[in-house]
N, C-alpha and C. Protein backbone atom coordinates (compact mmCIF):
# COMPACT_ATOMS: atom_id res chain seq x y z
N UNK A 1 100.98 82.57 92.14
CA UNK A 1 101.94 82.37 93.20
C UNK A 1 103.09 83.34 93.07
N UNK A 2 103.71 83.70 94.24
CA UNK A 2 104.82 84.62 94.20
C UNK A 2 106.05 83.93 93.69
N UNK A 3 106.91 84.72 93.04
CA UNK A 3 108.17 84.20 92.57
C UNK A 3 109.06 83.84 93.75
N UNK A 4 109.78 82.70 93.73
CA UNK A 4 110.61 82.32 94.86
C UNK A 4 111.68 83.35 95.22
N UNK A 5 112.09 84.16 94.24
CA UNK A 5 113.12 85.18 94.51
C UNK A 5 112.54 86.36 95.28
N UNK A 6 111.27 86.70 94.98
CA UNK A 6 110.66 87.87 95.60
C UNK A 6 109.88 87.54 96.87
N UNK A 7 109.48 86.28 97.03
CA UNK A 7 108.68 85.90 98.19
C UNK A 7 109.38 86.18 99.52
N UNK A 8 110.67 85.80 99.74
CA UNK A 8 111.31 86.12 101.01
C UNK A 8 111.43 87.63 101.27
N UNK A 9 111.73 88.38 100.25
CA UNK A 9 111.84 89.84 100.40
C UNK A 9 110.50 90.44 100.82
N UNK A 10 109.41 90.06 100.15
CA UNK A 10 108.10 90.61 100.51
C UNK A 10 107.69 90.16 101.90
N UNK A 11 107.98 88.94 102.27
CA UNK A 11 107.64 88.45 103.59
C UNK A 11 108.34 89.24 104.67
N UNK A 12 109.68 89.44 104.51
CA UNK A 12 110.44 90.21 105.48
C UNK A 12 110.00 91.65 105.55
N UNK A 13 109.66 92.22 104.37
CA UNK A 13 109.16 93.61 104.35
C UNK A 13 107.86 93.74 105.15
N UNK A 14 106.92 92.80 104.95
CA UNK A 14 105.65 92.87 105.66
C UNK A 14 105.85 92.68 107.14
N UNK A 15 106.75 91.75 107.54
CA UNK A 15 106.99 91.55 108.98
C UNK A 15 107.53 92.84 109.59
N UNK A 16 108.53 93.45 108.97
CA UNK A 16 109.10 94.72 109.48
C UNK A 16 108.08 95.83 109.49
N UNK A 17 107.24 95.89 108.45
CA UNK A 17 106.23 96.94 108.34
C UNK A 17 105.24 96.87 109.53
N UNK A 18 104.68 95.70 109.78
CA UNK A 18 103.72 95.56 110.89
C UNK A 18 104.41 95.68 112.25
N UNK A 19 105.65 95.25 112.35
CA UNK A 19 106.36 95.40 113.62
C UNK A 19 106.57 96.88 113.98
N UNK A 20 107.02 97.67 113.01
CA UNK A 20 107.25 99.10 113.24
C UNK A 20 105.96 99.82 113.58
N UNK A 21 104.90 99.56 112.78
CA UNK A 21 103.65 100.27 113.02
C UNK A 21 102.93 99.72 114.26
N UNK A 22 103.28 98.49 114.67
CA UNK A 22 102.76 98.02 115.95
C UNK A 22 103.38 98.80 117.11
N UNK A 23 104.67 99.10 117.01
CA UNK A 23 105.34 99.89 118.03
C UNK A 23 104.76 101.28 118.08
N UNK A 24 104.50 101.89 116.89
CA UNK A 24 103.91 103.24 116.85
C UNK A 24 102.52 103.23 117.46
N UNK A 25 101.73 102.21 117.10
CA UNK A 25 100.37 102.12 117.68
C UNK A 25 100.41 101.92 119.18
N UNK A 26 101.36 101.13 119.66
CA UNK A 26 101.51 100.91 121.13
C UNK A 26 101.88 102.22 121.81
N UNK A 27 102.78 102.99 121.20
CA UNK A 27 103.20 104.28 121.81
C UNK A 27 102.02 105.25 121.83
N UNK A 28 101.23 105.31 120.78
CA UNK A 28 100.07 106.19 120.73
C UNK A 28 99.02 105.78 121.79
N UNK A 29 98.79 104.47 121.88
CA UNK A 29 97.81 103.98 122.86
C UNK A 29 98.24 104.29 124.29
N UNK A 30 99.49 104.05 124.62
CA UNK A 30 100.00 104.36 125.97
C UNK A 30 99.93 105.86 126.21
N UNK A 31 100.23 106.65 125.16
CA UNK A 31 100.15 108.10 125.32
C UNK A 31 98.76 108.58 125.61
N UNK A 32 97.75 107.99 124.96
CA UNK A 32 96.37 108.34 125.23
C UNK A 32 95.95 107.99 126.66
N UNK A 33 96.46 106.87 127.17
CA UNK A 33 96.10 106.46 128.50
C UNK A 33 96.77 107.36 129.56
N UNK A 34 98.04 107.68 129.35
CA UNK A 34 98.79 108.40 130.37
C UNK A 34 98.62 109.93 130.29
N UNK A 35 98.57 110.49 129.07
CA UNK A 35 98.49 111.94 128.91
C UNK A 35 97.74 112.25 127.63
N UNK A 36 96.42 112.11 127.70
CA UNK A 36 95.61 112.28 126.48
C UNK A 36 95.57 113.73 126.01
N UNK A 37 95.76 114.69 126.90
CA UNK A 37 95.74 116.09 126.53
C UNK A 37 96.92 116.39 125.60
N UNK A 38 98.10 115.93 125.98
CA UNK A 38 99.27 116.18 125.13
C UNK A 38 99.18 115.39 123.82
N UNK A 39 98.62 114.18 123.87
CA UNK A 39 98.50 113.39 122.65
C UNK A 39 97.56 114.06 121.67
N UNK A 40 96.44 114.60 122.15
CA UNK A 40 95.49 115.29 121.24
C UNK A 40 96.13 116.56 120.70
N UNK A 41 96.96 117.22 121.49
CA UNK A 41 97.68 118.40 121.00
C UNK A 41 98.63 118.00 119.85
N UNK A 42 99.29 116.83 120.03
CA UNK A 42 100.17 116.37 118.96
C UNK A 42 99.36 115.95 117.72
N UNK A 43 98.17 115.35 117.93
CA UNK A 43 97.32 114.99 116.80
C UNK A 43 96.96 116.23 115.98
N UNK A 44 96.68 117.33 116.70
CA UNK A 44 96.32 118.56 116.02
C UNK A 44 97.47 119.10 115.19
N UNK A 45 98.69 118.84 115.61
CA UNK A 45 99.88 119.30 114.86
C UNK A 45 100.10 118.48 113.61
N UNK A 46 100.04 117.16 113.77
CA UNK A 46 100.37 116.27 112.65
C UNK A 46 99.23 116.05 111.66
N UNK A 47 97.99 116.28 112.09
CA UNK A 47 96.84 116.08 111.20
C UNK A 47 96.78 117.19 110.16
N UNK A 48 96.96 116.82 108.91
CA UNK A 48 96.88 117.76 107.81
C UNK A 48 96.08 117.10 106.69
N UNK A 49 95.06 117.83 106.20
CA UNK A 49 94.27 117.32 105.12
C UNK A 49 94.84 117.76 103.80
N UNK A 50 95.26 116.77 102.98
CA UNK A 50 95.83 117.06 101.69
C UNK A 50 94.77 116.70 100.63
N UNK A 51 94.25 117.70 99.97
CA UNK A 51 93.19 117.52 99.00
C UNK A 51 93.76 117.34 97.59
N UNK A 52 93.38 116.27 96.94
CA UNK A 52 93.82 116.01 95.57
C UNK A 52 92.83 116.63 94.58
N UNK A 53 91.72 117.16 95.08
CA UNK A 53 90.69 117.65 94.18
C UNK A 53 91.19 118.85 93.37
N UNK A 54 91.87 119.75 94.06
CA UNK A 54 92.32 120.96 93.34
C UNK A 54 93.54 120.65 92.42
N UNK A 55 94.44 119.83 92.90
CA UNK A 55 95.66 119.56 92.13
C UNK A 55 95.38 118.67 90.91
N UNK A 56 94.27 117.92 90.93
CA UNK A 56 93.95 117.02 89.82
C UNK A 56 92.78 117.54 88.99
N UNK A 57 92.44 118.80 89.15
CA UNK A 57 91.29 119.37 88.40
C UNK A 57 91.50 119.27 86.90
N UNK A 58 92.76 119.43 86.46
CA UNK A 58 93.04 119.40 85.03
C UNK A 58 92.76 118.06 84.41
N UNK A 59 92.77 116.97 85.26
CA UNK A 59 92.47 115.67 84.72
C UNK A 59 90.99 115.48 84.41
N UNK A 60 90.11 116.31 85.04
CA UNK A 60 88.67 116.13 84.88
C UNK A 60 88.12 117.13 83.86
N UNK A 61 88.96 117.78 83.10
CA UNK A 61 88.49 118.75 82.10
C UNK A 61 88.54 118.05 80.73
N UNK A 62 87.39 117.92 80.07
CA UNK A 62 87.38 117.29 78.73
C UNK A 62 88.12 118.13 77.70
N UNK A 63 88.85 117.52 76.82
CA UNK A 63 89.56 118.24 75.77
C UNK A 63 89.17 117.65 74.42
N UNK A 64 88.70 118.50 73.55
CA UNK A 64 88.21 118.05 72.23
C UNK A 64 89.37 118.16 71.23
N UNK A 65 89.78 116.98 70.75
CA UNK A 65 90.89 116.93 69.76
C UNK A 65 90.39 116.65 68.34
N UNK A 66 89.06 116.73 68.18
CA UNK A 66 88.50 116.35 66.86
C UNK A 66 88.94 117.30 65.74
N UNK A 67 89.11 118.56 66.07
CA UNK A 67 89.53 119.53 65.04
C UNK A 67 90.96 119.21 64.57
N UNK A 68 91.84 118.91 65.53
CA UNK A 68 93.23 118.58 65.16
C UNK A 68 93.28 117.28 64.39
N UNK A 69 92.47 116.31 64.77
CA UNK A 69 92.43 115.04 64.04
C UNK A 69 91.90 115.22 62.63
N UNK A 70 90.87 116.06 62.51
CA UNK A 70 90.30 116.31 61.18
C UNK A 70 91.30 116.97 60.24
N UNK A 71 92.15 117.86 60.76
CA UNK A 71 93.13 118.52 59.91
C UNK A 71 94.23 117.56 59.46
N UNK A 72 94.50 116.53 60.26
CA UNK A 72 95.59 115.58 59.91
C UNK A 72 95.05 114.16 59.76
N UNK A 73 93.82 114.03 59.27
CA UNK A 73 93.18 112.73 59.26
C UNK A 73 93.90 111.73 58.35
N UNK A 74 94.47 112.17 57.25
CA UNK A 74 95.16 111.23 56.35
C UNK A 74 96.43 110.68 57.02
N UNK A 75 97.16 111.55 57.70
CA UNK A 75 98.39 111.10 58.36
C UNK A 75 98.08 110.18 59.50
N UNK A 76 97.13 110.62 60.35
CA UNK A 76 96.76 109.78 61.52
C UNK A 76 96.14 108.47 61.09
N UNK A 77 95.27 108.52 60.10
CA UNK A 77 94.66 107.27 59.61
C UNK A 77 95.70 106.32 59.05
N UNK A 78 96.68 106.85 58.29
CA UNK A 78 97.72 106.02 57.77
C UNK A 78 98.59 105.37 58.85
N UNK A 79 98.91 106.17 59.89
CA UNK A 79 99.65 105.60 61.01
C UNK A 79 98.87 104.49 61.71
N UNK A 80 97.57 104.72 61.91
CA UNK A 80 96.71 103.71 62.51
C UNK A 80 96.77 102.41 61.70
N UNK A 81 96.63 102.53 60.40
CA UNK A 81 96.59 101.33 59.54
C UNK A 81 97.90 100.62 59.57
N UNK A 82 99.01 101.32 59.40
CA UNK A 82 100.32 100.70 59.32
C UNK A 82 100.69 100.02 60.63
N UNK A 83 100.58 100.74 61.72
CA UNK A 83 100.97 100.19 63.01
C UNK A 83 100.07 99.00 63.41
N UNK A 84 98.77 99.19 63.24
CA UNK A 84 97.81 98.12 63.59
C UNK A 84 97.98 96.92 62.70
N UNK A 85 98.24 97.13 61.41
CA UNK A 85 98.43 96.00 60.50
C UNK A 85 99.70 95.21 60.87
N UNK A 86 100.76 95.93 61.16
CA UNK A 86 102.01 95.26 61.54
C UNK A 86 101.84 94.44 62.82
N UNK A 87 101.27 95.06 63.87
CA UNK A 87 101.13 94.37 65.14
C UNK A 87 100.17 93.21 65.01
N UNK A 88 99.11 93.36 64.24
CA UNK A 88 98.16 92.25 64.06
C UNK A 88 98.84 91.09 63.31
N UNK A 89 99.62 91.40 62.29
CA UNK A 89 100.33 90.34 61.56
C UNK A 89 101.31 89.61 62.43
N UNK A 90 102.05 90.33 63.29
CA UNK A 90 102.97 89.69 64.22
C UNK A 90 102.22 88.80 65.21
N UNK A 91 101.11 89.28 65.73
CA UNK A 91 100.34 88.50 66.69
C UNK A 91 99.81 87.21 66.04
N UNK A 92 99.42 87.29 64.79
CA UNK A 92 98.84 86.13 64.13
C UNK A 92 99.92 85.10 63.72
N UNK A 93 101.04 85.58 63.23
CA UNK A 93 102.02 84.67 62.61
C UNK A 93 103.19 84.32 63.48
N UNK A 94 103.54 85.18 64.48
CA UNK A 94 104.82 84.97 65.20
C UNK A 94 104.64 84.71 66.72
N UNK A 95 103.46 84.86 67.25
CA UNK A 95 103.27 84.63 68.68
C UNK A 95 102.88 83.18 68.93
N UNK A 96 103.75 82.47 69.63
CA UNK A 96 103.53 81.07 69.98
C UNK A 96 103.01 81.02 71.42
N UNK A 97 101.76 80.79 71.59
CA UNK A 97 101.14 80.80 72.93
C UNK A 97 101.76 79.78 73.82
N UNK A 98 101.95 78.56 73.33
CA UNK A 98 102.52 77.48 74.15
C UNK A 98 103.93 77.81 74.62
N UNK A 99 104.72 78.38 73.74
CA UNK A 99 106.08 78.79 74.11
C UNK A 99 106.09 79.87 75.18
N UNK A 100 105.23 80.83 75.02
CA UNK A 100 105.16 81.90 76.03
C UNK A 100 104.76 81.36 77.38
N UNK A 101 103.82 80.40 77.39
CA UNK A 101 103.38 79.80 78.65
C UNK A 101 104.51 79.04 79.32
N UNK A 102 105.36 78.40 78.52
CA UNK A 102 106.52 77.69 79.06
C UNK A 102 107.55 78.66 79.63
N UNK A 103 107.79 79.77 78.93
CA UNK A 103 108.78 80.75 79.36
C UNK A 103 108.37 81.45 80.66
N UNK A 104 107.09 81.71 80.85
CA UNK A 104 106.63 82.44 82.03
C UNK A 104 106.79 81.63 83.33
N UNK A 105 106.67 80.32 83.23
CA UNK A 105 106.83 79.43 84.39
C UNK A 105 105.92 79.84 85.56
N UNK A 106 104.70 80.10 85.24
CA UNK A 106 103.69 80.47 86.28
C UNK A 106 103.22 79.20 86.99
N UNK A 107 103.13 79.32 88.34
CA UNK A 107 102.74 78.19 89.14
C UNK A 107 101.22 78.05 89.11
N UNK A 108 100.74 77.52 87.97
CA UNK A 108 99.29 77.35 87.77
C UNK A 108 99.12 76.27 86.70
N UNK A 109 97.93 75.68 86.62
CA UNK A 109 97.70 74.67 85.55
C UNK A 109 98.02 75.22 84.16
N UNK A 110 98.79 74.43 83.40
CA UNK A 110 99.26 74.91 82.10
C UNK A 110 98.09 75.28 81.19
N UNK A 111 97.04 74.47 81.25
CA UNK A 111 95.88 74.75 80.38
C UNK A 111 95.30 76.13 80.65
N UNK A 112 95.26 76.50 81.94
CA UNK A 112 94.73 77.80 82.33
C UNK A 112 95.61 78.92 81.84
N UNK A 113 96.93 78.75 81.98
CA UNK A 113 97.87 79.77 81.53
C UNK A 113 97.76 79.94 80.01
N UNK A 114 97.70 78.85 79.29
CA UNK A 114 97.58 78.90 77.81
C UNK A 114 96.28 79.59 77.42
N UNK A 115 95.18 79.31 78.16
CA UNK A 115 93.89 79.93 77.86
C UNK A 115 93.97 81.44 78.07
N UNK A 116 94.59 81.88 79.16
CA UNK A 116 94.68 83.30 79.47
C UNK A 116 95.52 84.03 78.39
N UNK A 117 96.69 83.43 78.04
CA UNK A 117 97.54 84.06 77.05
C UNK A 117 96.84 84.07 75.66
N UNK A 118 96.19 83.00 75.32
CA UNK A 118 95.50 82.93 74.02
C UNK A 118 94.35 83.98 73.98
N UNK A 119 93.66 84.12 75.09
CA UNK A 119 92.56 85.11 75.14
C UNK A 119 93.10 86.53 74.98
N UNK A 120 94.24 86.81 75.67
CA UNK A 120 94.84 88.12 75.53
C UNK A 120 95.30 88.36 74.10
N UNK A 121 95.86 87.34 73.49
CA UNK A 121 96.32 87.46 72.08
C UNK A 121 95.19 87.80 71.17
N UNK A 122 94.06 87.10 71.32
CA UNK A 122 92.92 87.35 70.41
C UNK A 122 92.27 88.72 70.70
N UNK A 123 92.31 89.15 71.96
CA UNK A 123 91.81 90.50 72.26
C UNK A 123 92.67 91.56 71.56
N UNK A 124 94.00 91.37 71.58
CA UNK A 124 94.89 92.31 70.91
C UNK A 124 94.71 92.26 69.40
N UNK A 125 94.46 91.08 68.85
CA UNK A 125 94.20 90.97 67.42
C UNK A 125 92.91 91.69 67.05
N UNK A 126 91.88 91.51 67.86
CA UNK A 126 90.61 92.21 67.62
C UNK A 126 90.79 93.73 67.69
N UNK A 127 91.60 94.17 68.69
CA UNK A 127 91.87 95.58 68.81
C UNK A 127 92.64 96.13 67.61
N UNK A 128 93.59 95.34 67.06
CA UNK A 128 94.32 95.76 65.88
C UNK A 128 93.43 95.90 64.67
N UNK A 129 92.51 94.93 64.51
CA UNK A 129 91.58 94.99 63.36
C UNK A 129 90.67 96.21 63.50
N UNK A 130 90.21 96.47 64.74
CA UNK A 130 89.37 97.66 64.94
C UNK A 130 90.12 98.95 64.64
N UNK A 131 91.43 98.99 65.00
CA UNK A 131 92.25 100.17 64.71
C UNK A 131 92.41 100.37 63.21
N UNK A 132 92.57 99.28 62.47
CA UNK A 132 92.68 99.34 61.01
C UNK A 132 91.37 99.93 60.43
N UNK A 133 90.22 99.42 60.96
CA UNK A 133 88.94 99.94 60.48
C UNK A 133 88.78 101.40 60.78
N UNK A 134 89.23 101.84 61.95
CA UNK A 134 89.14 103.24 62.31
C UNK A 134 90.02 104.10 61.37
N UNK A 135 91.21 103.58 61.10
CA UNK A 135 92.10 104.31 60.18
C UNK A 135 91.50 104.44 58.78
N UNK A 136 90.90 103.39 58.27
CA UNK A 136 90.26 103.42 56.95
C UNK A 136 89.11 104.43 56.95
N UNK A 137 88.29 104.37 58.02
CA UNK A 137 87.15 105.32 58.09
C UNK A 137 87.64 106.75 58.21
N UNK A 138 88.75 106.95 58.94
CA UNK A 138 89.27 108.27 59.14
C UNK A 138 89.72 108.88 57.82
N UNK A 139 90.26 108.06 56.94
CA UNK A 139 90.77 108.55 55.66
C UNK A 139 89.65 108.69 54.62
N UNK A 140 88.82 107.64 54.51
CA UNK A 140 87.83 107.59 53.42
C UNK A 140 86.42 107.92 53.81
N UNK A 141 86.06 107.70 55.08
CA UNK A 141 84.68 107.96 55.50
C UNK A 141 84.67 108.77 56.81
N UNK A 142 85.21 109.98 56.79
CA UNK A 142 85.29 110.78 58.02
C UNK A 142 83.91 111.15 58.61
N UNK A 143 82.93 111.37 57.74
CA UNK A 143 81.60 111.74 58.23
C UNK A 143 80.96 110.59 59.00
N UNK A 144 81.11 109.35 58.51
CA UNK A 144 80.55 108.20 59.18
C UNK A 144 81.25 107.99 60.53
N UNK A 145 82.57 108.20 60.57
CA UNK A 145 83.29 108.07 61.84
C UNK A 145 82.86 109.11 62.82
N UNK A 146 82.63 110.33 62.34
CA UNK A 146 82.19 111.41 63.23
C UNK A 146 80.82 111.11 63.82
N UNK A 147 79.94 110.52 63.02
CA UNK A 147 78.60 110.17 63.47
C UNK A 147 78.68 109.10 64.56
N UNK A 148 79.58 108.12 64.40
CA UNK A 148 79.76 107.07 65.42
C UNK A 148 80.33 107.69 66.68
N UNK A 149 81.32 108.56 66.53
CA UNK A 149 81.96 109.20 67.70
C UNK A 149 80.97 110.06 68.48
N UNK A 150 80.09 110.75 67.77
CA UNK A 150 79.13 111.61 68.46
C UNK A 150 78.18 110.83 69.33
N UNK A 151 77.87 109.58 68.94
CA UNK A 151 77.00 108.75 69.77
C UNK A 151 77.79 107.97 70.86
N UNK A 152 79.04 107.67 70.58
CA UNK A 152 79.81 106.86 71.51
C UNK A 152 80.54 107.67 72.57
N UNK A 153 80.93 108.91 72.20
CA UNK A 153 81.70 109.71 73.14
C UNK A 153 80.84 110.24 74.29
N UNK A 154 81.22 109.89 75.49
CA UNK A 154 80.57 110.40 76.68
C UNK A 154 81.65 110.71 77.70
N UNK A 155 81.54 111.88 78.34
CA UNK A 155 82.51 112.26 79.37
C UNK A 155 81.95 111.99 80.70
N UNK A 156 82.61 111.15 81.48
CA UNK A 156 82.19 110.84 82.86
C UNK A 156 83.21 111.39 83.83
N UNK A 157 82.75 112.27 84.69
CA UNK A 157 83.65 112.89 85.66
C UNK A 157 83.44 112.29 87.03
N UNK A 158 84.49 111.74 87.60
CA UNK A 158 84.43 111.17 88.94
C UNK A 158 84.19 112.26 89.96
N UNK A 159 84.66 113.48 89.68
CA UNK A 159 84.46 114.61 90.60
C UNK A 159 82.99 114.95 90.76
N UNK A 160 82.20 114.79 89.65
CA UNK A 160 80.78 115.09 89.73
C UNK A 160 80.01 113.94 90.36
N UNK A 161 80.47 112.70 90.12
CA UNK A 161 79.77 111.53 90.63
C UNK A 161 80.01 111.35 92.13
N UNK A 162 81.15 111.78 92.63
CA UNK A 162 81.49 111.57 94.05
C UNK A 162 82.03 112.86 94.65
N UNK A 163 81.15 113.85 94.80
CA UNK A 163 81.63 115.15 95.32
C UNK A 163 82.03 115.09 96.80
N UNK A 164 81.53 114.11 97.56
CA UNK A 164 81.83 114.07 99.00
C UNK A 164 83.07 113.27 99.35
N UNK A 165 83.73 112.71 98.34
CA UNK A 165 84.93 111.93 98.61
C UNK A 165 86.04 112.79 99.24
N UNK A 166 86.07 114.06 98.86
CA UNK A 166 87.12 114.96 99.31
C UNK A 166 86.77 115.67 100.63
N UNK A 167 85.70 115.20 101.28
CA UNK A 167 85.28 115.83 102.54
C UNK A 167 85.90 115.12 103.71
N UNK A 168 86.42 115.89 104.68
CA UNK A 168 87.02 115.32 105.87
C UNK A 168 85.92 114.74 106.77
N UNK A 169 86.18 113.58 107.33
CA UNK A 169 85.27 112.94 108.27
C UNK A 169 86.03 112.76 109.60
N UNK A 170 85.63 113.51 110.60
CA UNK A 170 86.33 113.57 111.86
C UNK A 170 85.59 112.87 113.00
N UNK A 171 84.63 111.97 112.64
CA UNK A 171 83.83 111.37 113.68
C UNK A 171 84.68 110.51 114.64
N UNK A 172 85.62 109.75 114.09
CA UNK A 172 86.47 108.92 114.95
C UNK A 172 87.34 109.80 115.83
N UNK A 173 87.87 110.90 115.30
CA UNK A 173 88.71 111.79 116.11
C UNK A 173 87.92 112.38 117.25
N UNK A 174 86.70 112.77 116.97
CA UNK A 174 85.87 113.37 118.06
C UNK A 174 85.51 112.31 119.08
N UNK A 175 85.27 111.05 118.61
CA UNK A 175 84.94 109.98 119.58
C UNK A 175 86.17 109.68 120.43
N UNK A 176 87.35 109.72 119.84
CA UNK A 176 88.59 109.48 120.58
C UNK A 176 88.81 110.58 121.63
N UNK A 177 88.51 111.81 121.27
CA UNK A 177 88.64 112.92 122.23
C UNK A 177 87.66 112.71 123.40
N UNK A 178 86.50 112.14 123.13
CA UNK A 178 85.54 111.92 124.22
C UNK A 178 85.86 110.71 125.06
N UNK A 179 86.59 109.72 124.52
CA UNK A 179 86.92 108.51 125.25
C UNK A 179 88.43 108.21 125.08
N UNK A 180 89.28 109.09 125.52
CA UNK A 180 90.72 108.93 125.24
C UNK A 180 91.33 107.67 125.88
N UNK A 181 91.05 107.42 127.16
CA UNK A 181 91.68 106.29 127.84
C UNK A 181 91.14 104.98 127.33
N UNK A 182 89.86 104.89 127.11
CA UNK A 182 89.26 103.66 126.55
C UNK A 182 89.89 103.35 125.20
N UNK A 183 89.96 104.37 124.33
CA UNK A 183 90.59 104.19 123.02
C UNK A 183 92.04 103.80 123.14
N UNK A 184 92.74 104.42 124.11
CA UNK A 184 94.13 104.12 124.30
C UNK A 184 94.36 102.67 124.69
N UNK A 185 93.53 102.16 125.62
CA UNK A 185 93.69 100.78 126.03
C UNK A 185 93.43 99.81 124.88
N UNK A 186 92.39 100.08 124.08
CA UNK A 186 92.11 99.21 122.92
C UNK A 186 93.25 99.27 121.92
N UNK A 187 93.74 100.47 121.64
CA UNK A 187 94.80 100.61 120.67
C UNK A 187 96.09 99.98 121.16
N UNK A 188 96.43 100.20 122.43
CA UNK A 188 97.65 99.65 122.99
C UNK A 188 97.59 98.11 123.02
N UNK A 189 96.42 97.56 123.40
CA UNK A 189 96.30 96.10 123.46
C UNK A 189 96.44 95.47 122.10
N UNK A 190 95.73 96.03 121.09
CA UNK A 190 95.85 95.48 119.74
C UNK A 190 97.25 95.62 119.18
N UNK A 191 97.86 96.81 119.42
CA UNK A 191 99.21 97.04 118.90
C UNK A 191 100.23 96.13 119.59
N UNK A 192 100.02 95.83 120.89
CA UNK A 192 100.93 94.93 121.61
C UNK A 192 100.89 93.53 121.01
N UNK A 193 99.69 93.06 120.67
CA UNK A 193 99.58 91.75 120.04
C UNK A 193 100.32 91.74 118.69
N UNK A 194 100.09 92.76 117.91
CA UNK A 194 100.77 92.84 116.60
C UNK A 194 102.28 92.91 116.75
N UNK A 195 102.76 93.74 117.71
CA UNK A 195 104.20 93.92 117.90
C UNK A 195 104.85 92.62 118.34
N UNK A 196 104.22 91.90 119.29
CA UNK A 196 104.77 90.66 119.79
C UNK A 196 104.78 89.60 118.69
N UNK A 197 103.68 89.52 117.94
CA UNK A 197 103.55 88.47 116.89
C UNK A 197 104.60 88.67 115.80
N UNK A 198 104.69 89.89 115.29
CA UNK A 198 105.63 90.11 114.21
C UNK A 198 107.06 90.31 114.71
N UNK A 199 107.23 90.79 115.95
CA UNK A 199 108.56 90.86 116.50
C UNK A 199 109.16 89.49 116.72
N UNK A 200 108.34 88.53 117.11
CA UNK A 200 108.82 87.16 117.29
C UNK A 200 109.29 86.60 115.94
N UNK A 201 108.53 86.84 114.88
CA UNK A 201 108.95 86.34 113.58
C UNK A 201 110.21 87.05 113.11
N UNK A 202 110.31 88.36 113.34
CA UNK A 202 111.45 89.12 112.90
C UNK A 202 112.74 88.66 113.55
N UNK A 203 112.72 88.56 114.86
CA UNK A 203 113.96 88.21 115.58
C UNK A 203 114.25 86.70 115.54
N UNK A 204 113.21 85.88 115.27
CA UNK A 204 113.42 84.46 115.15
C UNK A 204 114.22 84.15 113.86
N UNK A 205 113.96 84.97 112.77
CA UNK A 205 114.64 84.78 111.53
C UNK A 205 115.88 85.65 111.42
N UNK A 206 116.04 86.55 112.38
CA UNK A 206 117.21 87.46 112.31
C UNK A 206 118.48 86.79 112.76
């Protein structure tokens, strides 16, 4: 459930959001009905395709840090062991699940909240123990750790799995150009309903 302090703010924000975009949709719909040539000219000006594929290419390049880790394996392994041991000890000895559930004051059954917090705590403890094991292997058994990493490490690139995500699809724009007035009436009618519905809520509470 939403916090009582944030609920009114989010509600008013959503009402204003849909009211404003309802007015914009109504204006676009009326424009398509009355002067579709000028509206399509304006669409051509404001339509710009911004591709994230080129700007995020560096995120899809695998980087091998194994050589740097191997050179500093004692230091990195020691840090792994110390930090993971400390955090695991704190989680085991100082984290009171029931107290945290009381402090959060979540509007849900207490047993469910306690179960979720306890599950998260044990997941973190398991992760800490795994980090300690990795640190020990990094210092004393680097060859065994490298063998595990060679089988476990796989690079999955979203760019390769979904190459067509960055392709522009203009089917709706072309259909709108072929049926401008029909599209305008549908858009104006739907936007009018949205504007009236959310405008009534906005000004009723204003």
